[in-house]
Amino acid sequence: MRNMLGRLRQASRDLIAVLFMKGPIMFIVFALLLGIVSGLRAMTSPAAVSWAAKRGLLAVAGTPLAFMGFKYTPIIFTVLAIGELINDKLPKTPSRKVPPQFIARIVSGSLVGATIGVASYSLIIGLLAGAIGAVAGTYGGAAMRAQLATRFGKDLPAALLEDAAGIVLSIVVITRL
């Protein structure tokens, strides 16, 4: 347990260092990180990115992804995200690694990455970074949740920690845009 906490502390320090970097290619890191969040919770990062677009933090007007900044898009994604957070705790919810769930996470990560990318004039690079992040988040999140559930002796605390991690990471990334 101590070893795992040590690794988590070091990973959080490394992440904080990356998030405070500046530069023209940081959008790739942001797309990758929000893609990872899509791997954890498919609707959390689209909700965060659509709120950022609506608030003008992402310049998507006049692009193919302008709809992400429309009036009702953030509300729709937020309702979907809340529904997903609730649904994830139900006993009959399928694994995130079954094809429909896995594909939805990749599509979500791609959408988020493309939205960040289009605001930085690199739609395809952002899309790819988001998709790669979603794959990593899906498998990494499943493995981490399984380990935490084993340590806690039940799944609910692990699921709640995963929810919190996805929400916090989304907020941190969005506030750095």
Protein backbone atom coordinates (compact mmCIF):
# COMPACT_ATOMS: atom_id res chain seq x y z
CA MET A 1 0.00 0.00 0.00
CA ARG A 2 2.85 2.38 0.88
CA ASN A 3 4.55 1.67 -2.44
CA MET A 4 1.34 2.43 -4.33
CA LEU A 5 0.83 5.69 -2.40
CA GLY A 6 4.42 6.67 -3.14
CA ARG A 7 3.90 6.07 -6.84
CA LEU A 8 0.65 8.06 -6.79
CA ARG A 9 2.38 10.97 -5.03
CA GLN A 10 5.20 11.01 -7.58
CA ALA A 11 2.76 10.77 -10.49
CA SER A 12 0.74 13.69 -9.10
CA ARG A 13 3.92 15.79 -8.72
CA ASP A 14 4.92 14.98 -12.30
CA LEU A 15 1.42 15.83 -13.55
CA ILE A 16 1.41 19.17 -11.72
CA ALA A 17 4.80 20.02 -13.24
CA VAL A 18 3.49 19.26 -16.73
CA LEU A 19 0.27 21.22 -16.22
CA PHE A 20 2.18 24.36 -15.29
CA MET A 21 4.34 24.22 -18.40
CA LYS A 22 3.55 26.57 -21.25
CA GLY A 23 4.12 26.18 -24.92
CA PRO A 24 2.48 25.74 -28.29
CA ILE A 25 2.28 21.94 -28.08
CA MET A 26 0.74 21.71 -24.61
CA PHE A 27 -2.63 21.16 -26.31
CA ILE A 28 -1.40 17.63 -27.11
CA VAL A 29 -0.80 16.95 -23.41
CA PHE A 30 -4.20 18.42 -22.54
CA ALA A 31 -5.92 16.34 -25.24
CA LEU A 32 -4.14 13.22 -23.99
CA LEU A 33 -5.10 13.90 -20.36
CA LEU A 34 -8.74 14.57 -21.18
CA GLY A 35 -8.69 11.46 -23.35
CA ILE A 36 -7.58 9.54 -20.26
CA VAL A 37 -10.56 11.01 -18.42
CA SER A 38 -12.78 9.74 -21.26
CA GLY A 39 -11.35 6.31 -20.59
CA LEU A 40 -12.41 6.63 -16.96
CA ARG A 41 -15.82 8.24 -17.58
CA ALA A 42 -16.91 8.70 -21.19
CA MET A 43 -19.06 11.81 -20.64
CA THR A 44 -17.06 13.74 -18.03
CA SER A 45 -14.45 15.21 -20.35
CA PRO A 46 -16.91 16.16 -23.13
CA ALA A 47 -18.94 17.99 -20.47
CA ALA A 48 -15.84 19.85 -19.27
CA VAL A 49 -14.64 20.70 -22.77
CA SER A 50 -18.07 21.89 -23.89
CA TRP A 51 -18.27 24.20 -20.87
CA ALA A 52 -14.79 25.51 -21.75
CA ALA A 53 -15.88 26.10 -25.35
CA LYS A 54 -19.08 27.84 -24.26
CA ARG A 55 -17.11 30.09 -21.90
CA GLY A 56 -14.68 31.02 -24.68
CA LEU A 57 -11.65 29.17 -23.29
CA LEU A 58 -11.52 27.17 -26.53
CA ALA A 59 -11.89 29.04 -29.82
CA VAL A 60 -14.18 26.67 -31.72
CA ALA A 61 -16.51 29.17 -33.40
CA GLY A 62 -16.46 28.78 -37.17
CA THR A 63 -14.97 25.28 -36.99
CA PRO A 64 -16.57 21.87 -37.55
CA LEU A 65 -16.70 21.51 -33.76
CA ALA A 66 -18.46 24.82 -33.09
CA PHE A 67 -21.41 22.86 -31.68
CA MET A 68 -19.29 22.12 -28.60
CA GLY A 69 -19.70 25.76 -27.62
CA PHE A 70 -23.42 26.05 -28.35
CA LYS A 71 -25.81 27.10 -25.61
CA TYR A 72 -27.25 23.68 -24.74
CA THR A 73 -24.30 21.39 -25.50
CA PRO A 74 -22.68 21.71 -22.05
CA ILE A 75 -26.00 21.10 -20.35
CA ILE A 76 -26.66 17.96 -22.41
CA PHE A 77 -23.16 16.58 -21.76
CA THR A 78 -23.42 17.43 -18.05
CA VAL A 79 -26.72 15.54 -17.72
CA LEU A 80 -25.17 12.59 -19.57
CA ALA A 81 -22.11 12.71 -17.30
CA ILE A 82 -24.24 12.69 -14.15
CA GLY A 83 -26.24 9.77 -15.53
CA GLU A 84 -23.03 7.90 -16.27
CA LEU A 85 -21.69 8.54 -12.76
CA ILE A 86 -24.88 7.02 -11.33
CA ASN A 87 -25.08 4.15 -13.82
CA ASP A 88 -21.49 3.11 -13.15
CA LYS A 89 -22.36 2.13 -9.58
CA LEU A 90 -25.14 -0.26 -10.64
CA PRO A 91 -24.34 -3.98 -10.40
CA LYS A 92 -25.43 -4.80 -13.97
CA THR A 93 -23.26 -2.16 -15.66
CA PRO A 94 -21.03 -3.92 -18.22
CA SER A 95 -17.25 -3.67 -18.24
CA ARG A 96 -15.73 -0.61 -19.86
CA LYS A 97 -13.66 -2.99 -21.99
CA VAL A 98 -16.55 -4.62 -23.87
CA PRO A 99 -16.73 -3.32 -27.47
CA PRO A 100 -19.69 -0.88 -27.17
CA GLN A 101 -18.31 0.71 -23.99
CA PHE A 102 -14.74 0.75 -25.29
CA ILE A 103 -15.75 2.32 -28.61
CA ALA A 104 -17.82 4.98 -26.84
CA ARG A 105 -14.77 5.93 -24.76
CA ILE A 106 -12.56 6.18 -27.83
CA VAL A 107 -15.17 8.32 -29.63
CA SER A 108 -15.46 10.52 -26.53
CA GLY A 109 -11.69 10.92 -26.25
CA SER A 110 -11.45 11.66 -29.96
CA LEU A 111 -14.17 14.32 -29.73
CA VAL A 112 -12.50 15.98 -26.76
CA GLY A 113 -9.05 15.81 -28.34
CA ALA A 114 -10.35 17.14 -31.66
CA THR A 115 -12.07 20.04 -29.89
CA ILE A 116 -8.87 21.00 -28.10
CA GLY A 117 -6.91 20.43 -31.29
CA VAL A 118 -9.17 22.53 -33.52
CA ALA A 119 -8.78 25.43 -31.10
CA SER A 120 -5.00 25.06 -31.59
CA TYR A 121 -5.27 24.61 -35.38
CA SER A 122 -4.39 20.90 -35.17
CA LEU A 123 -7.64 18.95 -35.23
CA ILE A 124 -6.10 15.61 -36.32
CA ILE A 125 -3.26 15.69 -33.79
CA GLY A 126 -5.69 16.54 -31.00
CA LEU A 127 -8.08 13.81 -32.15
CA LEU A 128 -5.30 11.20 -32.12
CA ALA A 129 -4.01 12.31 -28.71
CA GLY A 130 -7.53 12.12 -27.28
CA ALA A 131 -8.10 8.65 -28.73
CA ILE A 132 -4.78 7.36 -27.40
CA GLY A 133 -5.58 8.84 -24.00
CA ALA A 134 -8.99 7.14 -24.02
CA VAL A 135 -7.45 3.73 -24.69
CA ALA A 136 -4.87 4.29 -21.93
CA GLY A 137 -7.55 5.57 -19.54
CA THR A 138 -9.84 2.64 -20.25
CA TYR A 139 -7.28 -0.05 -19.54
CA GLY A 140 -5.37 1.85 -16.87
CA GLY A 141 -8.54 2.92 -15.09
CA ALA A 142 -9.91 -0.63 -15.10
CA ALA A 143 -6.66 -1.99 -13.67
CA MET A 144 -6.39 0.72 -11.01
CA ARG A 145 -10.04 0.35 -10.00
CA ALA A 146 -9.64 -3.43 -9.70
CA GLN A 147 -6.59 -2.97 -7.46
CA LEU A 148 -8.34 -0.40 -5.30
CA ALA A 149 -11.50 -2.51 -5.04
CA THR A 150 -9.38 -5.44 -3.87
CA ARG A 151 -7.66 -3.29 -1.26
CA PHE A 152 -10.94 -1.76 -0.05
CA GLY A 153 -12.74 -5.09 -0.13
CA LYS A 154 -15.55 -3.62 -2.23
CA ASP A 155 -15.97 -1.69 -5.46
CA LEU A 156 -17.92 1.42 -4.41
CA PRO A 157 -15.03 3.31 -2.74
CA ALA A 158 -12.82 2.56 -5.75
CA ALA A 159 -15.54 3.77 -8.12
CA LEU A 160 -15.99 6.99 -6.15
CA LEU A 161 -12.24 7.65 -6.17
CA GLU A 162 -12.22 7.08 -9.92
CA ASP A 163 -15.10 9.55 -10.32
CA ALA A 164 -13.27 12.13 -8.22
CA ALA A 165 -10.02 11.63 -10.17
CA GLY A 166 -11.79 12.14 -13.50
CA ILE A 167 -13.65 15.24 -12.37
CA VAL A 168 -10.62 16.83 -10.71
CA LEU A 169 -8.33 16.11 -13.67
CA SER A 170 -10.91 17.59 -16.05
CA ILE A 171 -11.20 20.76 -14.00
CA VAL A 172 -7.42 21.13 -13.63
CA VAL A 173 -6.83 20.71 -17.37
CA ILE A 174 -9.69 23.01 -18.39
CA THR A 175 -8.46 25.77 -16.08
CA ARG A 176 -5.02 25.54 -17.73
CA LEU A 177 -6.34 26.10 -21.28
